[in-house]
Amino acid sequence: MKVFLVDDEIVVREGIRESFPWEDTPYVLVGEAPDGEMALPMIRDTNPDIVITDIRMPFMDGIELCRIIRSQMPWIGIIILSGYDEFEYARRCIQLGVREYLLKPINAGDLKSALDKVSAQILEERNTLEHAASLRTRMESGGKLVKEKLIGSLFSDEAAEKDAYDVLAQLSSMGCPVPKPYYTVIDAAFSPVGEGQAAAAALAESSGGIVQPSPGRVGTRFLVVGETGEDAEEHAYAFATSLAYELERIGSSEIRVGIGEIVDKPEEIYQSFRAARHIRHLLVERSDEKAIILGAREMGDPADEKTPAVISEAKLYMAQNFTNPNLMLQDVAKAVGMSNSRFSTVFSQQNGQTFTEYLIFLRLNKAKELLRNTSDKGSQIAREVGYNDAHYFSYIFKKNTGLTPSDYRAQYQNQPE
């Protein structure tokens, strides 16, 4: 189980990171952040199973972070940390589906018990959903099969324009909350198909109606809805990333995921599907060795034509600004004109590293240069490369190089790398 930690107190993060016996448990700490705003893109990057977050933090507090996670990534288990024993906080957390609520200060035993409890709940839900989804794929009739066939009819070139409105009306009458102002389509292919479709259906079911699946010959197509165009796009990229991760987790191969453009008319859903299918076919023709590849297309733009230039622009922007300790994914996404979720996905696809990994790469490369060629103190170098917290800089440096900054300097000073 992958765990992500969010807390604005350095001493709390350091205590959990250093004092908890991670190596002796089935958990791994995959990242940490001092507030929700910084954490959110990193959570999308690292795909944790469990998020541990403080409630009171600057910029974006834990309540807002939980709200976004439950809306966009409801499969993530959440553990709340708080130094305030107040019923109102606990009540709001319960309403947001938080699994556990721990009061500071916490010890390793309390945290282990909470992680074990949340992990067991997640595994039980996965097994239940996968079993239910497997049964549904074998159903010959029933409401769920009817819904899937109705969704699938939106992707048929035989459907007339008015049929799209009729289909959405029928789905609405069946209690399926599909009619929304904005739509996009995900077309996913994978092998083996049956097992992957069961996992895909289970994941879609956890979206609360935002994503509706329709099994196909080589995988599953999904209709994604949103209140705004950006909302639909955020949901699509978050779901597509999680789908690819889940398929890889269960051992699927030849995973290809295409995302169509955002449309605002039911009769244009087929147009979005065609774009998604076209991108997925292109990925097959490219025969990429990397299993998880996400296609993307903006409304009116040829699929992916501008992506390499945009990513080059993003890397240049990062190279010029990585020393800013407040640099975040949303800053770079805004600079190149992409939504946060799309930029995160496309950057990983094109660069072979997540945004967070590449930012760390830039900062540590500069840190190595300064350690080799200057006598500056480690705390000063940390600030110069974008880390306000010297302890966190040392932790990141050792995690990525195997050496502490001082050990690296002793070994490599006055030597080219």
Protein backbone atom coordinates (compact mmCIF):
# COMPACT_ATOMS: atom_id res chain seq x y z
CA MET A 1 0.00 0.00 0.00
CA LYS A 2 1.40 3.38 -1.06
CA VAL A 3 1.04 6.19 1.48
CA PHE A 4 1.23 9.98 0.96
CA LEU A 5 1.67 12.42 3.87
CA VAL A 6 0.41 16.01 4.06
CA ASP A 7 1.23 18.21 7.08
CA ASP A 8 2.54 21.77 7.39
CA GLU A 9 4.57 20.95 10.50
CA ILE A 10 8.08 19.85 9.54
CA VAL A 11 8.58 18.04 12.83
CA VAL A 12 5.43 15.95 12.27
CA ARG A 13 6.42 14.98 8.72
CA GLU A 14 9.95 14.18 9.82
CA GLY A 15 8.70 12.14 12.79
CA ILE A 16 6.38 10.00 10.66
CA ARG A 17 8.96 9.68 7.89
CA GLU A 18 11.91 8.74 10.13
CA SER A 19 10.34 7.11 13.20
CA PHE A 20 7.68 4.89 11.68
CA PRO A 21 9.11 1.42 10.80
CA TRP A 22 8.17 1.53 7.10
CA GLU A 23 10.59 -1.27 6.16
CA ASP A 24 8.89 -3.67 8.56
CA THR A 25 5.36 -3.01 7.31
CA PRO A 26 3.43 -3.54 4.05
CA TYR A 27 3.41 0.25 3.51
CA VAL A 28 5.71 2.59 1.60
CA LEU A 29 5.85 6.38 1.91
CA VAL A 30 5.78 7.66 -1.68
CA GLY A 31 5.69 11.41 -1.04
CA GLU A 32 4.91 14.28 1.28
CA ALA A 33 3.84 17.92 1.08
CA PRO A 34 3.30 20.83 3.50
CA ASP A 35 -0.21 21.77 2.32
CA GLY A 36 -3.11 20.52 0.23
CA GLU A 37 -2.46 22.79 -2.74
CA MET A 38 1.04 21.41 -3.20
CA ALA A 39 -0.08 17.88 -2.37
CA LEU A 40 -2.84 17.51 -4.95
CA PRO A 41 -0.71 17.31 -8.14
CA MET A 42 1.80 15.12 -6.29
CA ILE A 43 -1.02 12.76 -5.26
CA ARG A 44 -2.06 12.51 -8.92
CA ASP A 45 1.59 11.77 -9.79
CA THR A 46 2.18 9.07 -7.18
CA ASN A 47 -1.25 7.35 -7.13
CA PRO A 48 -1.25 6.50 -3.39
CA ASP A 49 -3.67 4.04 -1.85
CA ILE A 50 -3.84 6.03 1.40
CA VAL A 51 -3.43 9.76 2.16
CA ILE A 52 -2.59 10.92 5.68
CA THR A 53 -3.38 14.62 6.08
CA ASP A 54 -3.51 17.27 8.76
CA ILE A 55 -6.69 19.38 9.01
CA ARG A 56 -5.36 22.87 9.63
CA MET A 57 -2.83 23.92 6.98
CA PRO A 58 -2.18 27.09 4.97
CA PHE A 59 -3.28 27.60 1.34
CA MET A 60 -5.54 24.50 1.14
CA ASP A 61 -6.57 22.84 4.39
CA GLY A 62 -7.22 19.16 4.95
CA ILE A 63 -11.01 19.46 4.68
CA GLU A 64 -10.78 20.95 1.17
CA LEU A 65 -8.12 18.42 0.16
CA CYS A 66 -10.38 15.58 1.35
CA ARG A 67 -13.32 17.04 -0.57
CA ILE A 68 -11.32 17.10 -3.83
CA ILE A 69 -9.90 13.61 -3.30
CA ARG A 70 -13.35 12.16 -2.59
CA SER A 71 -14.73 13.90 -5.69
CA GLN A 72 -11.96 13.00 -8.14
CA MET A 73 -10.20 9.95 -6.61
CA PRO A 74 -12.75 8.27 -4.32
CA TRP A 75 -10.79 5.01 -4.24
CA ILE A 76 -8.10 6.62 -2.03
CA GLY A 77 -8.38 5.94 1.71
CA ILE A 78 -7.91 9.01 3.93
CA ILE A 79 -6.57 9.28 7.48
CA ILE A 80 -6.95 12.66 9.20
CA LEU A 81 -4.44 14.02 11.74
CA SER A 82 -5.49 16.83 14.02
CA GLY A 83 -4.26 18.62 17.09
CA TYR A 84 -7.78 19.88 17.76
CA ASP A 85 -10.16 17.55 19.54
CA GLU A 86 -13.26 19.20 18.13
CA PHE A 87 -16.44 17.38 17.20
CA GLU A 88 -17.18 19.67 14.25
CA TYR A 89 -13.96 18.66 12.47
CA ALA A 90 -14.64 14.98 13.12
CA ARG A 91 -18.21 15.34 11.85
CA ARG A 92 -17.11 17.05 8.61
CA CYS A 93 -14.45 14.40 8.06
CA ILE A 94 -16.99 11.60 8.46
CA GLN A 95 -19.27 13.31 5.94
CA LEU A 96 -16.37 13.36 3.48
CA GLY A 97 -15.78 9.63 3.85
CA VAL A 98 -12.57 9.85 5.89
CA ARG A 99 -11.63 6.39 7.16
CA GLU A 100 -9.71 7.25 10.37
CA TYR A 101 -9.28 10.33 12.60
CA LEU A 102 -6.15 10.51 14.81
CA LEU A 103 -5.32 13.16 17.39
CA LYS A 104 -1.78 14.52 17.67
CA PRO A 105 0.64 13.62 19.03
CA ILE A 106 0.48 10.16 17.50
CA ASN A 107 2.82 7.23 18.00
CA ALA A 108 3.94 4.51 15.61
CA GLY A 109 1.52 2.00 17.12
CA ASP A 110 -1.52 4.23 16.62
CA LEU A 111 -0.52 4.99 13.03
CA LYS A 112 0.13 1.32 12.26
CA SER A 113 -3.31 0.39 13.62
CA ALA A 114 -4.97 3.10 11.52
CA LEU A 115 -3.09 2.06 8.38
CA ASP A 116 -3.98 -1.59 8.96
CA LYS A 117 -7.67 -0.74 9.41
CA VAL A 118 -7.84 1.45 6.30
CA SER A 119 -5.83 -1.05 4.25
CA ALA A 120 -8.21 -3.87 5.22
CA GLN A 121 -11.20 -1.72 4.23
CA ILE A 122 -9.65 -0.88 0.86
CA LEU A 123 -8.82 -4.51 0.08
CA GLU A 124 -12.29 -5.66 1.11
CA GLU A 125 -13.92 -3.02 -1.10
CA ARG A 126 -11.68 -3.94 -4.04
CA ASN A 127 -12.55 -7.61 -3.70
CA THR A 128 -16.26 -6.84 -3.39
CA LEU A 129 -16.28 -4.48 -6.36
CA GLU A 130 -14.19 -6.80 -8.54
CA HIS A 131 -16.46 -9.73 -7.71
CA ALA A 132 -19.57 -7.67 -8.45
CA ALA A 133 -18.07 -6.36 -11.69
CA SER A 134 -17.12 -9.90 -12.73
CA LEU A 135 -20.69 -11.03 -12.18
CA ARG A 136 -22.02 -8.11 -14.20
CA THR A 137 -19.82 -8.95 -17.17
CA ARG A 138 -21.45 -12.40 -17.25
CA MET A 139 -25.01 -11.10 -17.04
CA GLU A 140 -27.16 -11.67 -20.09
CA SER A 141 -29.85 -9.25 -18.98
CA GLY A 142 -30.66 -6.75 -16.25
CA GLY A 143 -30.58 -3.03 -15.58
CA LYS A 144 -26.80 -2.70 -15.54
CA LEU A 145 -26.44 -4.43 -18.89
CA VAL A 146 -29.14 -2.17 -20.34
CA LYS A 147 -27.26 0.90 -19.08
CA GLU A 148 -24.02 -0.34 -20.59
CA LYS A 149 -25.72 -0.95 -23.92
CA LEU A 150 -27.31 2.51 -23.84
CA ILE A 151 -23.92 4.09 -23.13
CA GLY A 152 -22.44 2.00 -25.95
CA SER A 153 -25.09 3.25 -28.37
CA LEU A 154 -23.68 6.77 -27.98
CA PHE A 155 -20.49 5.49 -29.61
CA SER A 156 -22.24 4.05 -32.67
CA ASP A 157 -21.96 5.77 -36.05
CA GLU A 158 -25.44 4.46 -36.80
CA ALA A 159 -27.02 6.68 -34.13
CA ALA A 160 -28.84 9.77 -35.40
CA GLU A 161 -28.26 13.11 -33.70
CA LYS A 162 -31.56 13.02 -31.85
CA ASP A 163 -30.77 9.54 -30.53
CA ALA A 164 -28.13 10.96 -28.21
CA TYR A 165 -30.76 13.06 -26.43
CA ASP A 166 -33.11 10.08 -26.21
CA VAL A 167 -30.36 7.85 -24.81
CA LEU A 168 -29.44 10.37 -22.11
CA ALA A 169 -33.10 10.79 -21.21
CA GLN A 170 -33.50 7.00 -20.85
CA LEU A 171 -30.38 6.79 -18.69
CA SER A 172 -31.69 9.59 -16.50
CA SER A 173 -35.02 7.80 -16.05
CA MET A 174 -33.08 4.71 -14.90
CA GLY A 175 -31.40 6.71 -12.13
CA CYS A 176 -28.13 7.07 -14.01
CA PRO A 177 -26.96 10.71 -13.46
CA VAL A 178 -25.47 11.16 -16.93
CA PRO A 179 -27.08 14.35 -18.39
CA LYS A 180 -24.54 17.13 -17.75
CA PRO A 181 -23.45 20.19 -19.75
CA TYR A 182 -20.06 18.72 -20.74
CA TYR A 183 -18.89 15.31 -21.92
CA THR A 184 -15.77 13.48 -23.01
CA VAL A 185 -15.01 9.87 -23.93
CA ILE A 186 -12.17 7.55 -22.87
CA ASP A 187 -11.35 4.58 -25.11
CA ALA A 188 -9.19 1.96 -23.37
CA ALA A 189 -7.73 -1.27 -24.73
CA PHE A 190 -5.92 -3.89 -22.66
CA SER A 191 -5.16 -7.58 -22.39
CA PRO A 192 -6.60 -9.87 -21.13
CA VAL A 193 -9.92 -8.20 -21.88
CA GLY A 194 -12.25 -9.97 -19.42
CA GLU A 195 -10.25 -9.40 -16.25
CA GLY A 196 -9.45 -5.83 -17.26
CA GLN A 197 -13.11 -5.05 -17.93
CA ALA A 198 -14.06 -6.25 -14.45
CA ALA A 199 -11.45 -3.96 -12.86
CA ALA A 200 -12.50 -1.07 -15.12
CA ALA A 201 -16.15 -1.49 -14.16
CA ALA A 202 -15.27 -1.56 -10.46
CA LEU A 203 -13.23 1.63 -10.79
CA ALA A 204 -15.98 3.39 -12.75
CA GLU A 205 -18.53 2.38 -10.12
CA SER A 206 -16.45 4.14 -7.45
CA SER A 207 -16.71 7.44 -9.38
CA GLY A 208 -20.24 8.14 -8.14
CA GLY A 209 -21.78 8.34 -11.62
CA ILE A 210 -19.15 10.66 -13.11
CA VAL A 211 -17.76 7.84 -15.28
CA GLN A 212 -20.03 5.35 -17.05
CA PRO A 213 -18.49 2.25 -18.70
CA SER A 214 -19.45 0.32 -21.83
CA PRO A 215 -17.45 -2.88 -22.47
CA GLY A 216 -16.12 -3.33 -26.00
CA ARG A 217 -14.32 -5.94 -28.05
CA VAL A 218 -10.77 -4.97 -27.02
CA GLY A 219 -11.44 -3.15 -23.74
CA THR A 220 -13.88 -0.60 -22.33
CA ARG A 221 -15.18 2.80 -23.46
CA PHE A 222 -16.23 5.35 -20.85
CA LEU A 223 -18.48 8.40 -20.94
CA VAL A 224 -17.20 11.08 -18.54
CA VAL A 225 -19.38 14.02 -17.50
CA GLY A 226 -18.76 17.38 -15.85
CA GLU A 227 -20.46 20.59 -14.80
CA THR A 228 -17.82 22.60 -16.74
CA GLY A 229 -15.38 21.75 -19.51
CA GLU A 230 -12.47 21.89 -17.08
CA ASP A 231 -14.40 19.72 -14.63
CA ALA A 232 -14.97 17.04 -17.30
CA GLU A 233 -11.32 17.19 -18.35
CA GLU A 234 -10.07 16.90 -14.75
CA HIS A 235 -12.32 13.89 -14.16
CA ALA A 236 -11.20 12.24 -17.42
CA TYR A 237 -7.49 12.56 -16.77
CA ALA A 238 -7.75 11.55 -13.13
CA PHE A 239 -9.80 8.47 -14.05
CA ALA A 240 -7.61 7.53 -17.04
CA THR A 241 -4.45 7.72 -14.93
CA SER A 242 -6.01 5.63 -12.17
CA LEU A 243 -7.38 3.13 -14.72
CA ALA A 244 -3.97 2.61 -16.26
CA TYR A 245 -2.44 2.22 -12.79
CA GLU A 246 -5.12 -0.28 -11.70
CA LEU A 247 -4.78 -2.31 -14.92
CA GLU A 248 -1.03 -2.47 -14.45
CA ARG A 249 -1.53 -3.51 -10.81
CA ILE A 250 -3.63 -6.55 -11.77
CA GLY A 251 -1.12 -7.61 -14.44
CA SER A 252 -2.77 -6.34 -17.64
CA SER A 253 -0.58 -5.64 -20.65
CA GLU A 254 -0.76 -3.71 -23.94
CA ILE A 255 -2.59 -0.91 -22.12
CA ARG A 256 -3.61 1.93 -24.47
CA VAL A 257 -5.85 4.79 -23.30
CA GLY A 258 -7.14 7.56 -25.58
CA ILE A 259 -9.10 10.61 -24.39
CA GLY A 260 -11.36 12.52 -26.78
CA GLU A 261 -12.05 16.24 -26.80
CA ILE A 262 -14.47 17.95 -24.43
CA VAL A 263 -17.89 18.56 -26.02
CA ASP A 264 -20.95 20.42 -24.78
CA LYS A 265 -23.71 18.85 -26.88
CA PRO A 266 -25.00 15.25 -26.58
CA GLU A 267 -24.87 14.80 -30.37
CA GLU A 268 -21.11 15.52 -30.26
CA ILE A 269 -20.36 12.62 -27.87
CA TYR A 270 -19.77 10.37 -30.89
CA GLN A 271 -17.24 12.93 -32.21
CA SER A 272 -15.35 12.72 -28.89
CA PHE A 273 -15.43 8.93 -29.07
CA ARG A 274 -13.99 8.94 -32.59
CA ALA A 275 -11.13 11.17 -31.43
CA ALA A 276 -10.42 8.90 -28.46
CA ARG A 277 -10.51 5.79 -30.67
CA HIS A 278 -8.22 7.45 -33.23
CA ILE A 279 -5.66 8.27 -30.53
CA ARG A 280 -5.84 4.76 -29.13
CA HIS A 281 -5.22 3.33 -32.62
CA LEU A 282 -2.23 5.64 -33.09
CA LEU A 283 -0.75 4.34 -29.86
CA VAL A 284 -1.12 0.77 -31.11
CA GLU A 285 0.61 1.66 -34.40
CA ARG A 286 3.48 3.28 -32.51
CA SER A 287 4.05 0.00 -30.64
CA ASP A 288 5.43 1.76 -27.58
CA GLU A 289 7.22 -0.49 -25.14
CA LYS A 290 5.82 1.47 -22.22
CA ALA A 291 2.55 -0.11 -21.18
CA ILE A 292 0.74 2.96 -19.84
CA ILE A 293 0.23 5.64 -22.47
CA LEU A 294 -2.49 8.27 -22.40
CA GLY A 295 -3.55 10.14 -25.51
CA ALA A 296 -4.99 13.65 -25.31
CA ARG A 297 -6.77 16.08 -27.57
CA GLU A 298 -8.03 19.61 -27.11
CA MET A 299 -11.21 20.74 -28.86
CA GLY A 300 -10.40 21.60 -32.47
CA ASP A 301 -6.72 20.58 -32.25
CA PRO A 302 -5.16 17.62 -34.09
CA ALA A 303 -4.37 14.95 -31.54
CA ASP A 304 -1.01 15.47 -29.80
CA GLU A 305 0.56 17.51 -32.65
CA LYS A 306 1.70 20.32 -30.34
CA THR A 307 2.52 18.20 -27.31
CA PRO A 308 6.33 17.80 -27.74
CA ALA A 309 6.81 21.56 -28.22
CA VAL A 310 4.62 22.31 -25.19
CA ILE A 311 6.57 19.89 -22.99
CA SER A 312 9.85 21.43 -24.17
CA GLU A 313 8.45 24.83 -23.22
CA ALA A 314 7.44 23.46 -19.82
CA LYS A 315 10.91 22.01 -19.19
CA LEU A 316 12.52 25.33 -20.12
CA TYR A 317 10.16 27.14 -17.73
CA MET A 318 11.08 24.68 -14.96
CA ALA A 319 14.80 25.07 -15.67
CA GLN A 320 14.41 28.83 -15.24
CA ASN A 321 12.28 28.63 -12.10
CA PHE A 322 13.16 25.45 -10.19
CA THR A 323 14.97 27.44 -7.47
CA ASN A 324 11.63 28.98 -6.48
CA PRO A 325 10.51 26.95 -3.43
CA ASN A 326 6.88 27.73 -4.24
CA LEU A 327 7.00 26.39 -7.82
CA MET A 328 4.09 23.99 -8.32
CA LEU A 329 2.65 21.92 -11.14
CA GLN A 330 -0.23 24.35 -11.63
CA ASP A 331 2.24 27.21 -12.25
CA VAL A 332 3.91 25.35 -15.10
CA ALA A 333 0.59 24.08 -16.49
CA LYS A 334 -0.72 27.64 -16.57
CA ALA A 335 2.47 28.88 -18.27
CA VAL A 336 1.99 26.41 -21.15
CA GLY A 337 -1.80 26.71 -21.35
CA MET A 338 -2.90 23.26 -20.10
CA SER A 339 -5.18 22.10 -17.32
CA ASN A 340 -3.37 20.70 -14.28
CA SER A 341 -4.46 17.10 -14.79
CA ARG A 342 -3.79 17.05 -18.52
CA PHE A 343 -0.35 18.61 -18.08
CA SER A 344 0.51 16.10 -15.33
CA THR A 345 -0.45 13.15 -17.54
CA VAL A 346 1.10 14.40 -20.79
CA PHE A 347 4.32 15.49 -19.07
CA SER A 348 4.76 12.00 -17.60
CA GLN A 349 4.01 10.39 -20.96
CA GLN A 350 6.40 12.53 -22.97
CA ASN A 351 9.20 12.91 -20.42
CA GLY A 352 9.28 9.48 -18.81
CA GLN A 353 9.21 11.21 -15.39
CA THR A 354 6.43 12.78 -13.40
CA PHE A 355 6.49 16.54 -12.81
CA THR A 356 7.65 15.97 -9.23
CA GLU A 357 10.43 13.60 -10.27
CA TYR A 358 11.70 16.04 -12.91
CA LEU A 359 11.62 18.98 -10.48
CA ILE A 360 13.64 16.94 -7.97
CA PHE A 361 16.04 15.98 -10.79
CA LEU A 362 16.67 19.66 -11.64
CA ARG A 363 17.12 20.68 -8.02
CA LEU A 364 19.44 17.81 -7.11
CA ASN A 365 21.58 18.29 -10.22
CA LYS A 366 22.17 21.90 -9.16
CA ALA A 367 22.77 20.81 -5.57
CA LYS A 368 25.40 18.31 -6.70
CA GLU A 369 27.15 21.03 -8.70
CA LEU A 370 27.22 23.34 -5.67
CA LEU A 371 28.42 20.56 -3.36
CA ARG A 372 31.27 19.72 -5.74
CA ASN A 373 32.39 23.25 -6.51
CA THR A 374 31.62 25.42 -3.47
CA SER A 375 32.10 25.38 0.28
CA ASP A 376 28.55 26.61 0.95
CA LYS A 377 26.77 25.02 3.91
CA GLY A 378 24.13 22.40 3.21
CA SER A 379 21.35 24.63 4.52
CA GLN A 380 22.42 27.41 2.15
CA ILE A 381 22.56 25.03 -0.81
CA ALA A 382 19.09 23.75 0.11
CA ARG A 383 17.71 27.29 -0.13
CA GLU A 384 19.58 27.98 -3.37
CA VAL A 385 18.00 24.98 -5.12
CA GLY A 386 14.45 25.53 -3.87
CA TYR A 387 14.13 23.84 -0.46
CA ASN A 388 13.27 25.96 2.58
CA ASP A 389 13.64 22.94 4.85
CA ALA A 390 17.27 21.75 5.04
CA HIS A 391 16.24 18.48 6.73
CA TYR A 392 13.79 17.69 3.95
CA PHE A 393 16.48 18.54 1.36
CA SER A 394 18.85 16.06 3.03
CA TYR A 395 16.13 13.40 3.07
CA ILE A 396 15.34 13.90 -0.64
CA PHE A 397 19.04 13.99 -1.55
CA LYS A 398 19.83 10.72 0.23
CA LYS A 399 16.68 9.04 -1.05
CA ASN A 400 17.68 9.79 -4.65
CA THR A 401 21.48 9.45 -4.52
CA GLY A 402 22.10 7.04 -1.65
CA LEU A 403 24.39 9.61 0.01
CA THR A 404 23.86 12.48 2.41
CA PRO A 405 24.90 15.91 1.04
CA SER A 406 27.98 15.91 3.27
CA ASP A 407 28.98 12.40 2.16
CA TYR A 408 28.49 13.39 -1.47
CA ARG A 409 30.72 16.45 -1.00
CA ALA A 410 33.43 14.39 0.68
CA GLN A 411 33.41 11.90 -2.19
CA TYR A 412 33.08 14.23 -5.19
CA GLN A 413 34.29 17.74 -4.26
CA ASN A 414 36.36 19.37 -7.00
CA GLN A 415 35.57 16.50 -9.36
CA PRO A 416 33.38 16.59 -12.47
CA GLU A 417 30.37 14.34 -12.01
